[in-house]
N, C-alpha and C. Protein backbone atom coordinates (compact mmCIF):
# COMPACT_ATOMS: atom_id res chain seq x y z
N UNK A 1 3.86 14.94 5.17
CA UNK A 1 3.73 14.14 4.17
C UNK A 1 3.25 13.07 4.29
N UNK A 2 1.94 13.06 3.41
CA UNK A 2 1.02 11.85 3.75
C UNK A 2 1.35 10.30 3.51
N UNK A 3 0.66 9.38 4.44
CA UNK A 3 1.43 7.79 4.27
C UNK A 3 0.03 7.03 2.99
N UNK A 4 -0.52 7.63 2.32
CA UNK A 4 -1.60 7.13 2.00
C UNK A 4 -0.69 6.28 0.65
N UNK A 5 -1.02 5.31 0.48
CA UNK A 5 -0.89 4.15 -0.95
C UNK A 5 -1.68 4.08 -2.12
N UNK A 6 -1.28 5.06 -3.13
CA UNK A 6 -2.09 4.97 -4.60
C UNK A 6 -1.51 3.40 -5.41
N UNK A 7 -2.64 3.00 -5.97
CA UNK A 7 -1.84 1.97 -7.06
C UNK A 7 -2.18 2.39 -8.42
N UNK A 8 -1.26 2.15 -9.04
CA UNK A 8 -1.30 2.36 -10.63
C UNK A 8 -0.74 2.19 -11.80
N UNK A 9 -0.63 2.36 -12.76
CA UNK A 9 0.78 1.33 -13.70
C UNK A 9 0.86 2.55 -14.47
N UNK A 10 2.16 1.83 -15.12
CA UNK A 10 3.10 2.60 -16.37
C UNK A 10 2.61 2.30 -17.86
N UNK A 11 1.98 3.32 -18.50
CA UNK A 11 1.68 3.16 -19.62
C UNK A 11 2.48 4.54 -20.35
N UNK A 12 2.91 4.31 -21.67
CA UNK A 12 4.02 5.12 -22.26
C UNK A 12 4.65 5.75 -21.54
N UNK A 13 5.78 5.28 -20.54
CA UNK A 13 6.54 5.42 -19.58
C UNK A 13 6.16 6.62 -18.76
N UNK A 14 4.61 6.92 -18.24
CA UNK A 14 4.06 7.54 -17.57
C UNK A 14 3.55 6.76 -16.50
N UNK A 15 3.12 7.14 -14.94
CA UNK A 15 3.05 6.41 -13.54
C UNK A 15 1.44 7.05 -13.87
N UNK A 16 0.12 5.89 -14.77
CA UNK A 16 -1.19 6.39 -14.33
C UNK A 16 -1.98 5.89 -13.04
N UNK A 17 -2.10 6.94 -12.20
CA UNK A 17 -2.53 6.53 -10.97
C UNK A 17 -3.97 5.80 -11.34
N UNK A 18 -4.60 4.93 -10.46
CA UNK A 18 -6.36 4.24 -10.41
C UNK A 18 -7.64 5.39 -10.32
N UNK A 19 -8.30 5.72 -10.97
CA UNK A 19 -9.33 6.38 -10.73
C UNK A 19 -8.92 6.64 -8.98
N UNK A 20 -9.51 8.13 -8.82
CA UNK A 20 -9.74 8.30 -7.50
C UNK A 20 -8.79 9.03 -6.41
N UNK A 21 -7.49 8.70 -7.24
CA UNK A 21 -6.26 9.45 -6.63
C UNK A 21 -6.05 10.82 -7.35
N UNK A 22 -6.20 11.95 -6.80
CA UNK A 22 -6.05 12.98 -6.79
C UNK A 22 -4.65 13.49 -5.92
N UNK A 23 -3.41 14.10 -7.02
CA UNK A 23 -2.59 14.14 -6.05
C UNK A 23 -1.97 15.91 -7.27
N UNK A 24 -1.42 17.17 -6.44
CA UNK A 24 -1.40 18.16 -7.13
C UNK A 24 -0.28 17.98 -7.87
N UNK A 25 -0.62 18.74 -8.99
CA UNK A 25 0.59 19.03 -9.81
C UNK A 25 2.02 19.14 -8.90
N UNK A 26 3.46 18.39 -9.31
CA UNK A 26 4.22 19.16 -8.88
C UNK A 26 4.59 18.13 -7.32
N UNK A 27 3.76 17.16 -6.78
CA UNK A 27 3.25 16.65 -5.74
C UNK A 27 4.45 15.47 -6.00
N UNK A 28 5.50 15.46 -5.26
CA UNK A 28 6.51 14.37 -4.86
C UNK A 28 6.40 13.12 -4.68
N UNK A 29 6.66 12.07 -5.40
CA UNK A 29 6.00 10.67 -4.89
C UNK A 29 6.91 9.75 -4.76
N UNK A 30 6.94 8.33 -4.13
CA UNK A 30 7.95 7.55 -4.23
C UNK A 30 7.30 6.25 -5.02
N UNK A 31 7.85 5.96 -5.91
CA UNK A 31 7.01 4.79 -6.44
C UNK A 31 8.29 3.38 -6.28
N UNK A 32 7.26 2.78 -5.76
CA UNK A 32 7.82 1.13 -5.56
C UNK A 32 7.18 0.08 -6.58
N UNK A 33 8.17 -0.43 -7.47
CA UNK A 33 7.47 -1.41 -8.65
C UNK A 33 7.19 -2.47 -8.03
N UNK A 34 6.04 -3.13 -7.96
CA UNK A 34 5.53 -4.46 -7.98
C UNK A 34 5.28 -5.87 -8.55
N UNK A 35 6.60 -7.06 -8.31
CA UNK A 35 6.29 -7.97 -9.30
C UNK A 35 4.78 -8.29 -9.73
N UNK A 36 4.71 -8.17 -10.98
CA UNK A 36 3.53 -8.69 -11.96
C UNK A 36 2.62 -10.33 -11.32
N UNK A 37 3.80 -10.64 -11.36
CA UNK A 37 3.45 -12.33 -11.08
C UNK A 37 3.15 -12.90 -9.51
N UNK A 38 1.58 -12.92 -9.48
CA UNK A 38 1.08 -13.38 -8.56
C UNK A 38 1.58 -14.43 -7.73
N UNK A 39 1.86 -14.66 -6.44
CA UNK A 39 2.38 -15.23 -5.62
C UNK A 39 3.59 -15.47 -5.22
N UNK A 40 4.44 -14.67 -5.84
CA UNK A 40 6.44 -15.13 -6.23
C UNK A 40 6.18 -14.38 -5.04
N UNK A 41 7.50 -14.45 -4.31
CA UNK A 41 8.22 -14.21 -3.19
C UNK A 41 8.01 -12.50 -3.49
N UNK A 42 8.83 -12.19 -4.23
CA UNK A 42 8.92 -10.56 -4.46
C UNK A 42 7.85 -9.54 -4.40
N UNK A 43 6.66 -10.52 -5.08
CA UNK A 43 5.06 -10.26 -4.86
C UNK A 43 4.81 -9.66 -3.60
N UNK A 44 5.08 -10.88 -2.69
CA UNK A 44 3.99 -11.22 -1.28
C UNK A 44 4.81 -10.07 -0.36
N UNK A 45 6.58 -10.19 -0.44
CA UNK A 45 6.87 -9.20 0.08
C UNK A 45 6.92 -7.38 -0.10
N UNK A 46 6.74 -7.18 -1.61
CA UNK A 46 6.19 -6.08 -1.95
C UNK A 46 4.84 -5.64 -1.51
N UNK A 47 3.99 -6.94 -1.36
CA UNK A 47 2.48 -6.43 -0.68
C UNK A 47 2.67 -6.10 0.13
N UNK A 48 3.14 -6.65 1.34
CA UNK A 48 3.35 -6.60 2.77
C UNK A 48 4.11 -5.59 3.59
N UNK A 49 5.06 -4.78 2.62
CA UNK A 49 5.89 -3.60 2.83
C UNK A 49 4.92 -2.35 2.42
N UNK A 50 4.21 -2.99 1.25
CA UNK A 50 3.19 -1.77 0.76
C UNK A 50 1.86 -1.27 1.53
N UNK A 51 1.55 -2.44 2.71
CA UNK A 51 0.41 -2.33 3.85
C UNK A 51 0.24 -1.48 4.24
N UNK A 52 -0.42 -0.54 4.38
CA UNK A 52 -0.92 0.61 5.91
C UNK A 52 0.03 -0.26 6.79
N UNK A 53 0.25 0.64 7.85
CA UNK A 53 0.59 0.40 9.45
C UNK A 53 -1.21 0.28 10.00
N UNK A 54 -0.88 -0.14 10.91
CA UNK A 54 -1.81 -0.05 12.28
C UNK A 54 -1.70 0.34 13.38
N UNK A 55 -2.71 0.87 13.95
CA UNK A 55 -2.32 1.19 15.24
C UNK A 55 -2.50 0.21 15.85
N UNK A 56 -1.21 0.41 17.27
CA UNK A 56 -0.76 -0.53 18.23
C UNK A 56 -2.21 -0.93 19.11
N UNK A 57 -2.85 0.09 19.31
CA UNK A 57 -4.16 0.75 20.01
C UNK A 57 -4.94 -1.25 19.54
N UNK A 58 -5.26 -0.91 17.92
CA UNK A 58 -5.75 -1.67 17.49
C UNK A 58 -5.39 -2.88 17.38
N UNK A 59 -4.46 -3.40 17.63
CA UNK A 59 -4.01 -4.87 17.49
C UNK A 59 -4.07 -5.24 19.22
N UNK A 60 -4.27 -4.39 20.19
CA UNK A 60 -4.45 -4.97 21.57
C UNK A 60 -5.53 -4.63 21.62
N UNK A 61 -6.31 -3.71 20.82
CA UNK A 61 -8.24 -4.29 21.52
C UNK A 61 -8.56 -5.70 20.39
N UNK A 62 -7.93 -6.21 19.26
CA UNK A 62 -8.33 -7.68 18.72
C UNK A 62 -7.91 -8.35 19.50
N UNK A 63 -6.78 -8.38 20.01
CA UNK A 63 -5.81 -9.39 20.77
C UNK A 63 -6.52 -9.33 22.26
N UNK A 64 -7.14 -8.63 22.70
CA UNK A 64 -8.29 -8.76 23.83
C UNK A 64 -9.35 -9.54 23.79
N UNK A 65 -9.59 -8.70 22.70
CA UNK A 65 -11.17 -9.68 22.02
C UNK A 65 -10.99 -11.04 21.42
N UNK A 66 -10.41 -11.72 20.72
CA UNK A 66 -9.85 -12.71 20.98
C UNK A 66 -9.76 -13.29 22.15
N UNK A 67 -8.69 -13.06 23.15
CA UNK A 67 -8.80 -13.53 24.25
C UNK A 67 -9.71 -13.91 25.12
N UNK A 68 -10.74 -12.96 24.84
CA UNK A 68 -12.65 -13.45 25.44
C UNK A 68 -13.24 -14.81 24.94
N UNK A 69 -12.81 -15.42 23.83
CA UNK A 69 -13.57 -16.38 22.94
C UNK A 69 -13.47 -17.01 24.13
């Protein structure tokens, strides 16, 4: 299973993905609606939940670089 995130909108009862998103016919997906109102608590939580994960090694490297300053 892939962890890539795609964005899109609902049009005519169907989900239309942004251009560049190519999923094969029959691909199963999980859809999480995002609140349309920018800045709402629900929109912020949805954005954080949908954010791609960052490898812990990257976090360690960033913290090390910050500590060197």
